[in-house]
Amino acid sequence: MTRSLSSLAIKLASAGLTYIGFVVLARTMSAAEYGYFAFGLALATVLAIGAGMGQQTAVMRFHAEDMARKDSAAARTTLRAGSMLTILGSLLVAAALCLYAAIADALRGSAPSWPLYAAALLVLPMALGEYTSAALRTQGSIWTALAPRDVVWRIALPLLALALAAAGVMLTGWGALLLAAGLLLVVVAAQYGLARTERYQLPLGFAGLSGFWRARGKISLWLLLGGFINAAALNADTIVIGALLAPEQAGAYFNAFRTGGLMTLFAFAISLVIAPPIARHFYAGERHKAQLLLAAGTWGGFIFSLLAFLAFVFFGNPIMSLFGESYGDASILLIILAVGFLADAATGPSRSVLMLTGHEKRYAAIFGLTTLISILAQIAVLPSFGVIGVAIVSSLNRMLAYGLMSWQCAVRTGLDPTIFGILRLRTHSGGQEGATYETPLVKNEP
């Protein structure tokens, strides 16, 4: 309970600081430059998940398995290999994006695409920040895992932007991305130092890396695909609009999407805490305890989302106008997107359940297919219906995808992550008999 309240406090602060940060940047930058920033941030977020090689999720799953077998050496290897794979993957992805930008500029004969280069530099700190947070959370840390990135970084970025604006310096889109990358890299480095003083493990080095990849590389790739699909689903809209329409429209959609995403804040904060113990209970065969955590977390998140949804419906225009008077018209986008986020909250942490219980392939198939269809549909409707059409497609896709995933959770694992999962607690078994479902318990790794 203490960790849950701490996580919630941090995530509430993080959401507020993130929102303030976007408002500050939107008001201290031109609409076009802010649009370039939104496009670059969305692109870097997607690429950072891919660069992480699936280790953000793998470390929580494999570390739980290792500790369940009381194999501390294997658990340390899992932590070390995850760090190195994340670093190597980030460097490779960043280099590839820079190469693409250079070739594209040369073929077009245009000026350097600075937002792409700046986004490339943001990949490593974002990917490493995600991994260190997951690695520390699986060891029971909350404040060290979350506070540096979710609080310190999000305070520093708008403060520096305000200081620059006060000095008469208006940030460009790529300048804001570089500022974000530099600050985040400093914060992550400080997080490593803080973790060592508190005796949490964040080992570095290549020892055991090849063996880890031989034993768990295949599963990691599926986890990578799942994480990449999830990041694409959250950011593809902005990337599509930024690539095919004016940057001003990308910025407006980005603000509406990020505002709507606040609806799932409570659910996300809770899932950060309950994901590791759900994995532990699941692999110990204690499905009733896992279902109890899911039911409590889902209902807490759904009630918060419902209240936020009503606030957006009645006060959407003034909320969006916080970014500037020109963004007030984006309130219709906010309401459309909020419908999908409400469905997301009602289905609970279905993605996490599938990924942590050995059904990463099924998750990747469902979410990958629906996301691909959504992106193609958005590209198709964009010329005729503009950003409104993109928002409608996004909301419908979210309802379909999370509905299918929650159904598969119930069928394959015996765990119902939706608001109806509370009904399974009427019996103490809660679907505890592992043989009934297609989910393995603890397995010895090769």
Protein backbone atom coordinates (compact mmCIF):
# COMPACT_ATOMS: atom_id res chain seq x y z
CA MET A 1 0.00 0.00 0.00
CA THR A 2 2.84 2.39 0.84
CA ARG A 3 4.52 1.72 -2.50
CA SER A 4 1.21 2.14 -4.30
CA LEU A 5 0.58 5.52 -2.68
CA SER A 6 4.16 6.60 -3.40
CA SER A 7 3.83 5.55 -7.04
CA LEU A 8 0.52 7.35 -7.34
CA ALA A 9 1.98 10.53 -5.82
CA ILE A 10 4.92 10.45 -8.21
CA LYS A 11 2.76 9.80 -11.26
CA LEU A 12 0.30 12.52 -10.30
CA ALA A 13 3.21 14.92 -9.97
CA SER A 14 4.65 13.62 -13.23
CA ALA A 15 1.41 14.12 -15.12
CA GLY A 16 1.00 17.63 -13.79
CA LEU A 17 4.60 18.54 -14.54
CA THR A 18 4.39 17.02 -18.03
CA TYR A 19 1.27 19.00 -18.77
CA ILE A 20 2.81 22.20 -17.44
CA GLY A 21 5.92 21.49 -19.47
CA PHE A 22 3.96 21.16 -22.71
CA VAL A 23 1.98 24.30 -21.91
CA VAL A 24 5.20 26.24 -21.26
CA LEU A 25 6.83 24.98 -24.45
CA ALA A 26 3.72 25.70 -26.52
CA ARG A 27 3.58 29.27 -25.21
CA THR A 28 7.31 29.97 -25.56
CA MET A 29 7.63 28.54 -29.09
CA SER A 30 5.95 29.34 -32.39
CA ALA A 31 3.14 26.98 -33.43
CA ALA A 32 5.27 25.55 -36.25
CA GLU A 33 8.34 24.95 -34.06
CA TYR A 34 6.21 23.38 -31.35
CA GLY A 35 4.78 21.09 -34.03
CA TYR A 36 8.32 20.02 -34.99
CA PHE A 37 9.05 19.37 -31.32
CA ALA A 38 5.91 17.23 -30.96
CA PHE A 39 6.79 15.28 -34.11
CA GLY A 40 10.38 14.69 -32.96
CA LEU A 41 9.34 13.68 -29.45
CA ALA A 42 6.78 11.19 -30.78
CA LEU A 43 9.34 9.73 -33.19
CA ALA A 44 12.03 9.44 -30.50
CA THR A 45 9.56 7.75 -28.14
CA VAL A 46 8.72 5.06 -30.68
CA LEU A 47 12.35 4.50 -31.64
CA ALA A 48 13.45 4.38 -27.99
CA ILE A 49 11.09 1.49 -27.31
CA GLY A 50 12.49 -0.36 -30.31
CA ALA A 51 16.04 0.45 -29.23
CA GLY A 52 15.33 -1.06 -25.81
CA MET A 53 15.24 -4.54 -27.38
CA GLY A 54 12.23 -5.47 -25.25
CA GLN A 55 14.30 -5.31 -22.06
CA GLN A 56 11.95 -2.84 -20.32
CA THR A 57 9.41 -5.65 -20.02
CA ALA A 58 11.86 -8.57 -20.10
CA VAL A 59 13.65 -7.49 -16.94
CA MET A 60 10.42 -7.57 -14.91
CA ARG A 61 9.44 -10.97 -16.27
CA PHE A 62 12.83 -12.72 -16.20
CA HIS A 63 13.95 -11.21 -12.89
CA ALA A 64 10.72 -12.47 -11.29
CA GLU A 65 11.37 -15.95 -12.69
CA ASP A 66 14.99 -15.94 -11.52
CA MET A 67 14.08 -14.81 -8.01
CA ALA A 68 11.27 -17.37 -7.81
CA ARG A 69 13.97 -20.01 -8.37
CA LYS A 70 16.21 -18.21 -5.83
CA ASP A 71 18.88 -17.86 -8.51
CA SER A 72 20.45 -14.50 -7.64
CA ALA A 73 23.31 -14.95 -10.11
CA ALA A 74 20.89 -15.38 -13.01
CA ALA A 75 18.89 -12.37 -11.78
CA ARG A 76 22.03 -10.22 -11.83
CA THR A 77 22.87 -11.43 -15.33
CA THR A 78 19.36 -10.47 -16.42
CA LEU A 79 19.86 -6.94 -15.10
CA ARG A 80 23.32 -6.54 -16.65
CA ALA A 81 22.36 -7.95 -20.05
CA GLY A 82 19.27 -5.76 -20.22
CA SER A 83 21.34 -2.63 -19.63
CA MET A 84 23.88 -3.46 -22.31
CA LEU A 85 21.28 -4.49 -24.89
CA THR A 86 19.44 -1.22 -24.30
CA ILE A 87 22.61 0.85 -24.74
CA LEU A 88 23.77 -0.99 -27.86
CA GLY A 89 20.32 -0.93 -29.43
CA SER A 90 19.96 2.80 -28.76
CA LEU A 91 23.28 3.63 -30.38
CA LEU A 92 22.39 1.56 -33.43
CA VAL A 93 18.93 3.11 -33.85
CA ALA A 94 20.26 6.65 -33.36
CA ALA A 95 22.96 6.08 -35.97
CA ALA A 96 20.40 4.68 -38.42
CA LEU A 97 18.13 7.71 -38.01
CA CYS A 98 21.03 10.11 -38.55
CA LEU A 99 22.06 8.19 -41.68
CA TYR A 100 18.49 8.33 -42.99
CA ALA A 101 18.30 12.08 -42.36
CA ALA A 102 21.62 12.68 -44.13
CA ILE A 103 20.62 10.62 -47.19
CA ALA A 104 17.17 12.24 -47.38
CA ASP A 105 18.65 15.74 -47.16
CA ALA A 106 21.21 14.92 -49.85
CA LEU A 107 18.57 13.53 -52.22
CA ARG A 108 16.27 16.52 -51.72
CA GLY A 109 19.11 19.02 -51.74
CA SER A 110 17.56 20.67 -48.70
CA ALA A 111 18.91 22.10 -45.47
CA PRO A 112 19.71 19.61 -42.68
CA SER A 113 16.65 18.06 -41.01
CA TRP A 114 17.64 19.20 -37.53
CA PRO A 115 14.50 17.78 -35.80
CA LEU A 116 15.47 14.29 -37.00
CA TYR A 117 19.06 14.62 -35.75
CA ALA A 118 17.82 15.96 -32.41
CA ALA A 119 15.32 13.11 -32.12
CA ALA A 120 18.17 10.65 -32.73
CA LEU A 121 20.11 12.10 -29.79
CA LEU A 122 17.04 11.70 -27.58
CA VAL A 123 16.75 7.95 -28.25
CA LEU A 124 19.49 6.75 -25.86
CA PRO A 125 18.44 8.70 -22.74
CA MET A 126 14.78 7.80 -23.30
CA ALA A 127 15.47 4.08 -23.80
CA LEU A 128 17.90 3.88 -20.89
CA GLY A 129 15.53 5.83 -18.67
CA GLU A 130 12.73 3.37 -19.40
CA TYR A 131 14.97 0.39 -18.67
CA THR A 132 16.45 1.67 -15.41
CA SER A 133 12.98 2.50 -14.15
CA ALA A 134 11.76 -1.05 -14.87
CA ALA A 135 14.92 -2.66 -13.45
CA LEU A 136 14.60 -0.74 -10.19
CA ARG A 137 10.87 -1.34 -9.89
CA THR A 138 11.32 -5.09 -10.19
CA GLN A 139 13.71 -4.86 -7.22
CA GLY A 140 11.06 -3.11 -5.14
CA SER A 141 12.19 0.49 -5.64
CA ILE A 142 9.67 3.25 -6.25
CA TRP A 143 11.23 6.65 -5.52
CA THR A 144 14.63 5.90 -7.02
CA ALA A 145 12.97 4.22 -10.00
CA LEU A 146 10.48 6.97 -10.81
CA ALA A 147 11.33 10.30 -9.20
CA PRO A 148 14.45 11.27 -11.20
CA ARG A 149 12.82 11.00 -14.62
CA ASP A 150 9.18 11.62 -13.71
CA VAL A 151 9.78 14.58 -11.41
CA VAL A 152 13.28 16.07 -11.68
CA TRP A 153 13.51 15.97 -15.48
CA ARG A 154 9.98 17.29 -15.92
CA ILE A 155 10.69 20.19 -13.57
CA ALA A 156 14.00 21.10 -15.17
CA LEU A 157 12.78 21.19 -18.78
CA PRO A 158 10.05 23.87 -18.46
CA LEU A 159 12.14 25.90 -16.01
CA LEU A 160 15.02 26.11 -18.48
CA ALA A 161 12.60 26.90 -21.31
CA LEU A 162 11.16 29.76 -19.23
CA ALA A 163 14.64 31.01 -18.38
CA LEU A 164 15.60 31.05 -22.05
CA ALA A 165 12.37 32.84 -22.96
CA ALA A 166 13.02 35.43 -20.26
CA ALA A 167 16.45 35.97 -21.77
CA GLY A 168 14.84 36.57 -25.15
CA VAL A 169 15.74 33.18 -26.65
CA MET A 170 12.86 31.45 -28.45
CA LEU A 171 13.48 27.72 -28.71
CA THR A 172 13.27 25.97 -32.06
CA GLY A 173 11.76 22.51 -32.32
CA TRP A 174 15.15 20.81 -32.57
CA GLY A 175 16.54 23.03 -29.83
CA ALA A 176 13.83 21.89 -27.42
CA LEU A 177 14.55 18.25 -28.33
CA LEU A 178 18.27 18.73 -27.65
CA LEU A 179 17.50 20.40 -24.34
CA ALA A 180 15.26 17.48 -23.35
CA ALA A 181 17.91 14.93 -24.38
CA GLY A 182 20.74 16.60 -22.45
CA LEU A 183 18.72 16.99 -19.27
CA LEU A 184 17.43 13.42 -19.39
CA LEU A 185 20.93 12.01 -19.90
CA VAL A 186 22.15 13.86 -16.80
CA VAL A 187 19.15 12.62 -14.79
CA VAL A 188 19.64 8.98 -15.81
CA ALA A 189 23.35 9.14 -14.95
CA ALA A 190 22.43 10.52 -11.52
CA GLN A 191 19.88 7.72 -11.14
CA TYR A 192 22.61 5.11 -11.63
CA GLY A 193 24.68 6.74 -8.91
CA LEU A 194 21.73 6.99 -6.53
CA ALA A 195 20.80 3.34 -7.10
CA ARG A 196 24.33 2.24 -6.16
CA THR A 197 24.24 4.17 -2.89
CA GLU A 198 20.93 2.50 -2.01
CA ARG A 199 22.33 -0.95 -2.92
CA TYR A 200 20.04 -1.59 -5.86
CA GLN A 201 21.62 -3.48 -8.72
CA LEU A 202 22.16 -1.81 -12.10
CA PRO A 203 25.25 -3.70 -13.27
CA LEU A 204 27.02 -2.91 -16.55
CA GLY A 205 29.32 -5.09 -18.66
CA PHE A 206 29.24 -7.81 -21.29
CA ALA A 207 29.62 -10.79 -18.95
CA GLY A 208 26.84 -13.31 -19.59
CA LEU A 209 25.34 -11.29 -22.44
CA SER A 210 25.74 -13.95 -25.12
CA GLY A 211 24.34 -16.68 -22.89
CA PHE A 212 21.40 -14.50 -21.91
CA TRP A 213 20.60 -13.79 -25.53
CA ARG A 214 20.83 -17.48 -26.51
CA ALA A 215 18.48 -18.48 -23.69
CA ARG A 216 16.06 -15.56 -23.75
CA GLY A 217 16.68 -13.64 -26.94
CA LYS A 218 13.72 -15.11 -28.79
CA ILE A 219 11.30 -14.15 -26.05
CA SER A 220 12.95 -10.72 -25.78
CA LEU A 221 12.29 -10.11 -29.47
CA TRP A 222 8.61 -10.81 -28.97
CA LEU A 223 8.58 -8.48 -25.99
CA LEU A 224 10.37 -5.92 -28.16
CA LEU A 225 7.69 -6.25 -30.81
CA GLY A 226 4.99 -5.83 -28.20
CA GLY A 227 6.58 -2.74 -26.70
CA PHE A 228 7.24 -1.22 -30.12
CA ILE A 229 3.64 -1.76 -31.17
CA ASN A 230 2.38 -0.13 -27.97
CA ALA A 231 4.63 2.89 -28.51
CA ALA A 232 3.55 3.12 -32.15
CA ALA A 233 -0.10 3.05 -31.11
CA LEU A 234 0.50 5.99 -28.76
CA ASN A 235 2.58 8.10 -31.13
CA ALA A 236 1.82 7.08 -34.72
CA ASP A 237 -1.05 9.58 -34.98
CA THR A 238 1.22 12.56 -34.36
CA ILE A 239 3.91 11.16 -36.66
CA VAL A 240 1.40 10.62 -39.50
CA ILE A 241 -0.04 14.12 -39.13
CA GLY A 242 3.39 15.70 -38.82
CA ALA A 243 4.63 13.90 -41.94
CA LEU A 244 1.57 14.56 -44.12
CA LEU A 245 0.12 17.83 -42.81
CA ALA A 246 1.40 21.10 -41.38
CA PRO A 247 3.39 21.01 -38.11
CA GLU A 248 0.79 23.29 -36.47
CA GLN A 249 -1.85 20.58 -36.83
CA ALA A 250 0.55 17.96 -35.45
CA GLY A 251 1.08 20.16 -32.39
CA ALA A 252 -2.67 20.59 -31.81
CA TYR A 253 -3.33 16.86 -32.12
CA PHE A 254 -0.35 16.10 -29.88
CA ASN A 255 -1.77 18.34 -27.15
CA ALA A 256 -5.23 16.79 -27.42
CA PHE A 257 -3.84 13.26 -27.32
CA ARG A 258 -1.58 13.96 -24.35
CA THR A 259 -4.43 15.65 -22.49
CA GLY A 260 -6.74 12.71 -23.16
CA GLY A 261 -4.01 10.37 -21.98
CA LEU A 262 -4.30 11.90 -18.51
CA MET A 263 -7.45 9.81 -18.14
CA THR A 264 -5.33 6.67 -17.74
CA LEU A 265 -2.95 8.31 -15.27
CA PHE A 266 -4.30 6.59 -12.17
CA ALA A 267 -4.46 3.19 -13.89
CA PHE A 268 -0.91 3.56 -15.18
CA ALA A 269 0.43 4.56 -11.76
CA ILE A 270 -1.19 1.54 -10.15
CA SER A 271 0.01 -0.83 -12.87
CA LEU A 272 3.61 0.24 -12.24
CA VAL A 273 3.32 -1.15 -8.72
CA ILE A 274 1.11 -4.20 -9.25
CA ALA A 275 2.90 -5.55 -12.36
CA PRO A 276 5.86 -7.10 -10.46
CA PRO A 277 3.73 -8.73 -7.71
CA ILE A 278 1.25 -9.98 -10.31
CA ALA A 279 4.15 -11.70 -12.06
CA ARG A 280 5.34 -13.19 -8.76
CA HIS A 281 1.87 -14.44 -7.77
CA PHE A 282 1.25 -15.81 -11.25
CA TYR A 283 4.47 -17.81 -11.43
CA ALA A 284 3.83 -19.07 -7.89
CA GLY A 285 0.41 -20.35 -9.00
CA GLU A 286 -1.45 -17.86 -6.78
CA ARG A 287 -3.96 -16.62 -9.33
CA HIS A 288 -6.53 -15.53 -6.77
CA LYS A 289 -4.08 -13.02 -5.33
CA ALA A 290 -3.20 -11.83 -8.83
CA GLN A 291 -6.91 -11.37 -9.65
CA LEU A 292 -7.43 -9.43 -6.44
CA LEU A 293 -4.67 -6.98 -7.41
CA LEU A 294 -6.08 -6.64 -10.92
CA ALA A 295 -9.64 -5.95 -9.74
CA ALA A 296 -8.58 -3.28 -7.26
CA GLY A 297 -6.24 -1.59 -9.73
CA THR A 298 -8.67 -1.61 -12.63
CA TRP A 299 -11.57 -0.14 -10.66
CA GLY A 300 -9.39 2.58 -9.16
CA GLY A 301 -8.17 3.55 -12.62
CA PHE A 302 -11.62 3.40 -14.22
CA ILE A 303 -13.30 5.67 -11.66
CA PHE A 304 -10.56 8.27 -12.13
CA SER A 305 -10.89 7.98 -15.93
CA LEU A 306 -14.65 8.43 -15.82
CA LEU A 307 -14.34 11.63 -13.79
CA ALA A 308 -11.67 12.97 -16.15
CA PHE A 309 -13.85 12.12 -19.15
CA LEU A 310 -16.73 14.16 -17.77
CA ALA A 311 -14.37 17.08 -17.12
CA PHE A 312 -13.19 16.98 -20.74
CA VAL A 313 -16.75 16.88 -22.07
CA PHE A 314 -17.87 19.96 -20.12
CA PHE A 315 -14.63 21.95 -19.96
CA GLY A 316 -12.72 20.81 -23.04
CA ASN A 317 -12.34 24.24 -24.62
CA PRO A 318 -10.81 26.07 -21.63
CA ILE A 319 -8.57 23.08 -20.91
CA MET A 320 -7.13 23.06 -24.42
CA SER A 321 -6.83 26.87 -24.40
CA LEU A 322 -4.18 26.52 -21.70
CA PHE A 323 -1.72 25.80 -24.51
CA GLY A 324 -2.73 29.04 -26.21
CA GLU A 325 -5.90 30.53 -27.66
CA SER A 326 -5.25 28.92 -31.04
CA TYR A 327 -5.48 25.43 -29.49
CA GLY A 328 -8.99 25.86 -28.05
CA ASP A 329 -10.62 24.47 -31.18
CA ALA A 330 -8.87 21.15 -30.55
CA SER A 331 -11.41 20.37 -27.78
CA ILE A 332 -13.45 18.25 -30.21
CA LEU A 333 -10.34 16.13 -30.79
CA LEU A 334 -9.97 15.78 -27.03
CA ILE A 335 -13.53 14.48 -26.57
CA ILE A 336 -13.25 11.99 -29.45
CA LEU A 337 -9.95 10.62 -28.16
CA ALA A 338 -11.27 10.50 -24.59
CA VAL A 339 -13.86 7.89 -25.58
CA GLY A 340 -11.08 5.51 -26.56
CA PHE A 341 -9.09 6.21 -23.41
CA LEU A 342 -12.18 5.44 -21.29
CA ALA A 343 -12.44 2.04 -22.96
CA ASP A 344 -8.74 1.56 -22.29
CA ALA A 345 -9.27 2.18 -18.56
CA ALA A 346 -12.26 -0.19 -18.44
CA THR A 347 -10.17 -3.08 -19.75
CA GLY A 348 -7.41 -2.65 -17.17
CA PRO A 349 -3.74 -3.64 -17.63
CA SER A 350 -4.53 -6.30 -20.22
CA ARG A 351 -1.31 -5.59 -22.12
CA SER A 352 0.84 -6.12 -19.02
CA VAL A 353 -0.94 -9.34 -18.10
CA LEU A 354 -0.37 -10.88 -21.54
CA MET A 355 3.26 -9.76 -21.68
CA LEU A 356 4.14 -10.95 -18.17
CA THR A 357 2.41 -14.34 -18.36
CA GLY A 358 4.00 -15.78 -21.47
CA HIS A 359 1.47 -14.59 -24.06
CA GLU A 360 3.60 -11.91 -25.69
CA LYS A 361 3.04 -13.46 -29.14
CA ARG A 362 -0.71 -13.25 -28.77
CA TYR A 363 -0.47 -9.65 -27.60
CA ALA A 364 1.82 -8.73 -30.49
CA ALA A 365 -0.53 -10.36 -32.99
CA ILE A 366 -3.65 -8.60 -31.70
CA PHE A 367 -2.20 -5.17 -31.05
CA GLY A 368 0.12 -5.28 -34.04
CA LEU A 369 -2.66 -6.06 -36.49
CA THR A 370 -5.09 -3.52 -35.08
CA THR A 371 -2.39 -0.83 -34.94
CA LEU A 372 -1.35 -1.47 -38.55
CA ILE A 373 -4.96 -1.28 -39.69
CA SER A 374 -5.40 1.93 -37.69
CA ILE A 375 -2.34 3.60 -39.25
CA LEU A 376 -3.42 2.67 -42.77
CA ALA A 377 -6.96 3.88 -42.06
CA GLN A 378 -5.65 7.17 -40.68
CA ILE A 379 -3.57 7.75 -43.81
CA ALA A 380 -6.65 6.97 -45.92
CA VAL A 381 -9.04 9.32 -44.09
CA LEU A 382 -6.57 12.16 -43.57
CA PRO A 383 -7.03 13.85 -46.99
CA SER A 384 -10.84 13.94 -46.70
CA PHE A 385 -11.53 14.24 -42.97
CA GLY A 386 -8.31 15.74 -41.60
CA VAL A 387 -7.33 15.38 -37.97
CA ILE A 388 -10.94 14.68 -36.93
CA GLY A 389 -10.89 11.51 -39.03
CA VAL A 390 -7.56 10.48 -37.50
CA ALA A 391 -8.98 10.95 -33.99
CA ILE A 392 -12.09 8.86 -34.76
CA VAL A 393 -10.00 6.02 -36.18
CA SER A 394 -7.66 6.15 -33.17
CA SER A 395 -10.52 5.95 -30.68
CA LEU A 396 -12.28 3.07 -32.47
CA ASN A 397 -9.03 1.15 -32.75
CA ARG A 398 -8.32 1.56 -29.03
CA MET A 399 -11.72 0.13 -28.12
CA LEU A 400 -11.28 -2.85 -30.47
CA ALA A 401 -7.68 -3.65 -29.53
CA TYR A 402 -8.07 -3.50 -25.76
CA GLY A 403 -11.35 -5.37 -25.91
CA LEU A 404 -9.70 -8.25 -27.77
CA MET A 405 -6.69 -8.29 -25.44
CA SER A 406 -8.77 -8.39 -22.27
CA TRP A 407 -10.82 -11.25 -23.74
CA GLN A 408 -7.64 -13.19 -24.46
CA CYS A 409 -6.39 -12.55 -20.92
CA ALA A 410 -9.50 -14.13 -19.46
CA VAL A 411 -9.41 -17.09 -21.84
CA ARG A 412 -5.68 -17.86 -21.74
CA THR A 413 -4.65 -17.04 -18.18
CA GLY A 414 -7.82 -17.17 -16.09
CA LEU A 415 -7.21 -13.54 -15.08
CA ASP A 416 -9.81 -10.95 -16.02
CA PRO A 417 -8.20 -7.48 -16.09
CA THR A 418 -11.44 -5.61 -16.89
CA ILE A 419 -13.88 -3.90 -14.53
CA PHE A 420 -15.83 -7.18 -14.57
CA GLY A 421 -12.88 -9.09 -13.10
CA ILE A 422 -14.19 -8.32 -9.62
CA LEU A 423 -16.88 -10.94 -10.22
CA ARG A 424 -14.23 -13.66 -10.24
CA LEU A 425 -13.41 -12.91 -6.60
CA ARG A 426 -16.71 -14.38 -5.43
CA THR A 427 -14.98 -17.75 -5.36
CA HIS A 428 -11.66 -18.10 -3.56
CA SER A 429 -10.09 -20.15 -6.35
CA GLY A 430 -10.16 -17.18 -8.72
CA GLY A 431 -9.09 -19.43 -11.56
CA GLN A 432 -6.09 -20.71 -9.63
CA GLU A 433 -5.82 -24.13 -11.26
CA GLY A 434 -2.96 -23.57 -13.68
CA ALA A 435 -3.65 -26.67 -15.79
CA THR A 436 -6.97 -25.20 -16.93
CA TYR A 437 -5.31 -22.45 -18.94
CA GLU A 438 -2.67 -22.23 -21.63
CA THR A 439 -0.13 -20.49 -19.43
CA PRO A 440 3.05 -22.06 -18.09
CA LEU A 441 4.16 -21.56 -14.53
CA VAL A 442 7.83 -21.22 -13.64
CA LYS A 443 10.10 -22.84 -16.22
CA ASN A 444 13.81 -23.55 -15.96
CA GLU A 445 15.70 -21.61 -18.58
CA PRO A 446 18.33 -23.45 -20.67
